[in-house]
N, C-alpha and C. Protein backbone atom coordinates (compact mmCIF):
# COMPACT_ATOMS: atom_id res chain seq x y z
N MET A 1 -185.19 121.43 190.96
CA MET A 1 -185.17 121.77 192.36
C MET A 1 -185.50 123.24 192.58
N ASN A 2 -185.10 124.10 191.67
CA ASN A 2 -185.39 125.53 191.80
C ASN A 2 -186.58 125.94 190.97
N GLU A 3 -187.58 125.09 190.88
CA GLU A 3 -188.77 125.39 190.11
C GLU A 3 -189.72 126.25 190.93
N PRO A 4 -190.40 127.20 190.30
CA PRO A 4 -191.34 128.03 191.05
C PRO A 4 -192.52 127.21 191.56
N VAL A 5 -193.02 127.59 192.70
CA VAL A 5 -194.16 126.91 193.30
C VAL A 5 -195.40 127.75 193.04
N HIS A 6 -196.45 127.13 192.52
CA HIS A 6 -197.70 127.82 192.25
C HIS A 6 -198.78 127.23 193.14
N PHE A 7 -199.48 128.09 193.84
CA PHE A 7 -200.57 127.65 194.70
C PHE A 7 -201.89 127.96 194.02
N ALA A 8 -202.83 127.05 194.15
CA ALA A 8 -204.16 127.24 193.56
C ALA A 8 -204.91 128.30 194.35
N ARG A 9 -205.58 129.21 193.64
CA ARG A 9 -206.38 130.25 194.29
C ARG A 9 -207.76 129.71 194.56
N LYS A 10 -208.34 130.16 195.64
CA LYS A 10 -209.71 129.75 195.96
C LYS A 10 -210.67 130.44 195.00
N ALA A 11 -211.64 129.70 194.53
CA ALA A 11 -212.63 130.26 193.61
C ALA A 11 -213.49 131.28 194.33
N GLY A 12 -213.88 132.31 193.63
CA GLY A 12 -214.79 133.30 194.20
C GLY A 12 -214.10 134.50 194.81
N ARG A 13 -212.81 134.43 195.03
CA ARG A 13 -212.10 135.57 195.59
C ARG A 13 -211.40 136.33 194.47
N PRO A 14 -211.79 137.56 194.22
CA PRO A 14 -211.13 138.32 193.16
C PRO A 14 -209.70 138.67 193.55
N LYS A 15 -208.87 138.77 192.57
CA LYS A 15 -207.48 139.15 192.79
C LYS A 15 -207.42 140.62 193.19
N ALA A 16 -206.57 140.95 194.13
CA ALA A 16 -206.46 142.33 194.61
C ALA A 16 -205.97 143.23 193.48
N GLN A 17 -206.59 144.38 193.36
CA GLN A 17 -206.21 145.35 192.35
C GLN A 17 -205.05 146.19 192.86
N ALA A 18 -204.13 146.50 191.97
CA ALA A 18 -203.00 147.34 192.34
C ALA A 18 -203.47 148.78 192.49
N LYS A 19 -202.93 149.45 193.49
CA LYS A 19 -203.29 150.85 193.69
C LYS A 19 -202.66 151.68 192.58
N GLU A 20 -203.40 152.67 192.14
CA GLU A 20 -202.89 153.51 191.06
C GLU A 20 -202.06 154.67 191.57
N THR A 21 -202.08 154.89 192.88
CA THR A 21 -201.29 155.98 193.42
C THR A 21 -199.83 155.55 193.47
N THR A 22 -198.96 156.47 193.14
CA THR A 22 -197.54 156.17 193.19
C THR A 22 -196.95 156.82 194.44
N ARG A 23 -196.07 156.08 195.06
CA ARG A 23 -195.43 156.60 196.26
C ARG A 23 -194.17 157.34 195.85
N THR A 24 -193.93 158.45 196.49
CA THR A 24 -192.71 159.20 196.24
C THR A 24 -191.92 159.29 197.53
N ASN A 25 -190.63 159.37 197.39
CA ASN A 25 -189.76 159.49 198.53
C ASN A 25 -189.43 160.96 198.74
N ASP A 26 -190.20 161.62 199.59
CA ASP A 26 -190.00 163.03 199.88
C ASP A 26 -189.95 163.20 201.40
N PRO A 27 -188.76 163.01 202.00
CA PRO A 27 -188.66 163.03 203.46
C PRO A 27 -189.13 164.33 204.10
N GLU A 28 -188.87 165.45 203.46
CA GLU A 28 -189.27 166.74 204.04
C GLU A 28 -190.79 166.86 204.10
N ARG A 29 -191.47 166.45 203.05
CA ARG A 29 -192.93 166.52 203.03
C ARG A 29 -193.52 165.53 204.03
N THR A 30 -192.92 164.34 204.12
CA THR A 30 -193.39 163.34 205.08
C THR A 30 -193.26 163.86 206.50
N MET A 31 -192.11 164.45 206.83
CA MET A 31 -191.89 164.98 208.17
C MET A 31 -192.86 166.12 208.47
N ALA A 32 -193.07 167.00 207.52
CA ALA A 32 -194.00 168.11 207.72
C ALA A 32 -195.42 167.60 207.94
N ASN A 33 -195.82 166.58 207.20
CA ASN A 33 -197.15 165.99 207.34
C ASN A 33 -197.30 165.35 208.72
N ILE A 34 -196.29 164.59 209.16
CA ILE A 34 -196.33 163.96 210.48
C ILE A 34 -196.44 165.01 211.57
N LEU A 35 -195.64 166.06 211.47
CA LEU A 35 -195.68 167.12 212.49
C LEU A 35 -197.03 167.83 212.53
N GLU A 36 -197.59 168.10 211.38
CA GLU A 36 -198.89 168.77 211.32
C GLU A 36 -199.98 167.91 211.96
N VAL A 37 -200.02 166.64 211.59
CA VAL A 37 -201.04 165.73 212.13
C VAL A 37 -200.80 165.52 213.62
N ALA A 38 -199.55 165.38 214.04
CA ALA A 38 -199.24 165.17 215.46
C ALA A 38 -199.63 166.38 216.29
N MET A 39 -199.35 167.58 215.80
CA MET A 39 -199.74 168.78 216.56
C MET A 39 -201.25 168.85 216.73
N THR A 40 -201.98 168.52 215.69
CA THR A 40 -203.45 168.51 215.78
C THR A 40 -203.92 167.46 216.76
N GLU A 41 -203.35 166.27 216.69
CA GLU A 41 -203.73 165.17 217.59
C GLU A 41 -203.48 165.55 219.05
N PHE A 42 -202.30 166.10 219.35
CA PHE A 42 -201.98 166.48 220.72
C PHE A 42 -202.80 167.68 221.18
N ALA A 43 -203.08 168.62 220.28
CA ALA A 43 -203.89 169.79 220.64
C ALA A 43 -205.32 169.38 220.98
N GLU A 44 -205.87 168.43 220.23
CA GLU A 44 -207.25 168.01 220.45
C GLU A 44 -207.40 167.06 221.64
N LYS A 45 -206.40 166.18 221.84
CA LYS A 45 -206.56 165.12 222.83
C LYS A 45 -205.62 165.22 224.02
N GLY A 46 -204.65 166.12 223.96
CA GLY A 46 -203.71 166.27 225.07
C GLY A 46 -202.67 165.16 225.10
N LEU A 47 -201.73 165.29 226.05
CA LEU A 47 -200.65 164.31 226.15
C LEU A 47 -201.16 162.93 226.52
N ALA A 48 -202.17 162.87 227.37
CA ALA A 48 -202.69 161.58 227.82
C ALA A 48 -203.58 160.91 226.78
N GLY A 49 -204.18 161.69 225.88
CA GLY A 49 -205.14 161.12 224.95
C GLY A 49 -204.62 160.89 223.54
N ALA A 50 -203.54 161.54 223.17
CA ALA A 50 -203.01 161.40 221.82
C ALA A 50 -202.42 160.01 221.63
N ARG A 51 -202.61 159.45 220.46
CA ARG A 51 -202.14 158.09 220.17
C ARG A 51 -201.29 158.07 218.90
N ILE A 52 -200.15 157.42 219.00
CA ILE A 52 -199.25 157.28 217.86
C ILE A 52 -199.95 156.50 216.74
N ASP A 53 -200.78 155.52 217.11
CA ASP A 53 -201.51 154.74 216.11
C ASP A 53 -202.35 155.65 215.21
N GLU A 54 -203.02 156.61 215.82
CA GLU A 54 -203.87 157.53 215.06
C GLU A 54 -203.04 158.42 214.14
N ILE A 55 -201.90 158.88 214.63
CA ILE A 55 -201.03 159.73 213.82
C ILE A 55 -200.49 158.93 212.64
N ALA A 56 -200.06 157.71 212.89
CA ALA A 56 -199.54 156.85 211.82
C ALA A 56 -200.60 156.58 210.77
N ALA A 57 -201.82 156.30 211.20
CA ALA A 57 -202.89 156.02 210.25
C ALA A 57 -203.22 157.25 209.42
N ALA A 58 -203.26 158.41 210.05
CA ALA A 58 -203.61 159.64 209.34
C ALA A 58 -202.53 160.05 208.34
N THR A 59 -201.28 159.73 208.63
CA THR A 59 -200.18 160.11 207.74
C THR A 59 -199.76 159.00 206.80
N GLN A 60 -200.41 157.84 206.90
CA GLN A 60 -200.09 156.67 206.08
C GLN A 60 -198.62 156.28 206.22
N THR A 61 -198.14 156.31 207.47
CA THR A 61 -196.78 155.87 207.78
C THR A 61 -196.87 154.81 208.87
N SER A 62 -195.75 154.25 209.23
CA SER A 62 -195.73 153.25 210.29
C SER A 62 -195.47 153.94 211.63
N LYS A 63 -195.79 153.23 212.71
CA LYS A 63 -195.51 153.77 214.04
C LYS A 63 -194.01 153.95 214.23
N ARG A 64 -193.23 153.08 213.66
CA ARG A 64 -191.77 153.20 213.77
C ARG A 64 -191.26 154.46 213.08
N MET A 65 -191.94 154.87 212.03
CA MET A 65 -191.53 156.07 211.30
C MET A 65 -191.70 157.32 212.17
N ILE A 66 -192.71 157.29 213.03
CA ILE A 66 -192.99 158.44 213.87
C ILE A 66 -192.05 158.43 215.05
């Protein structure tokens, strides 16, 4: 009953390669990076034009993190 379930892979699709970059938990560096990118985003686009999505993408964090 507790046997693992294996699904057949579709032929022709290569298996995703693991990223070689290692993530580190450095809250101070993450916060500094978010602030730097956010200041640039708001300076270039203003309050009405700046987007959290862009900041999150540039800092490789989630919108919730910001």
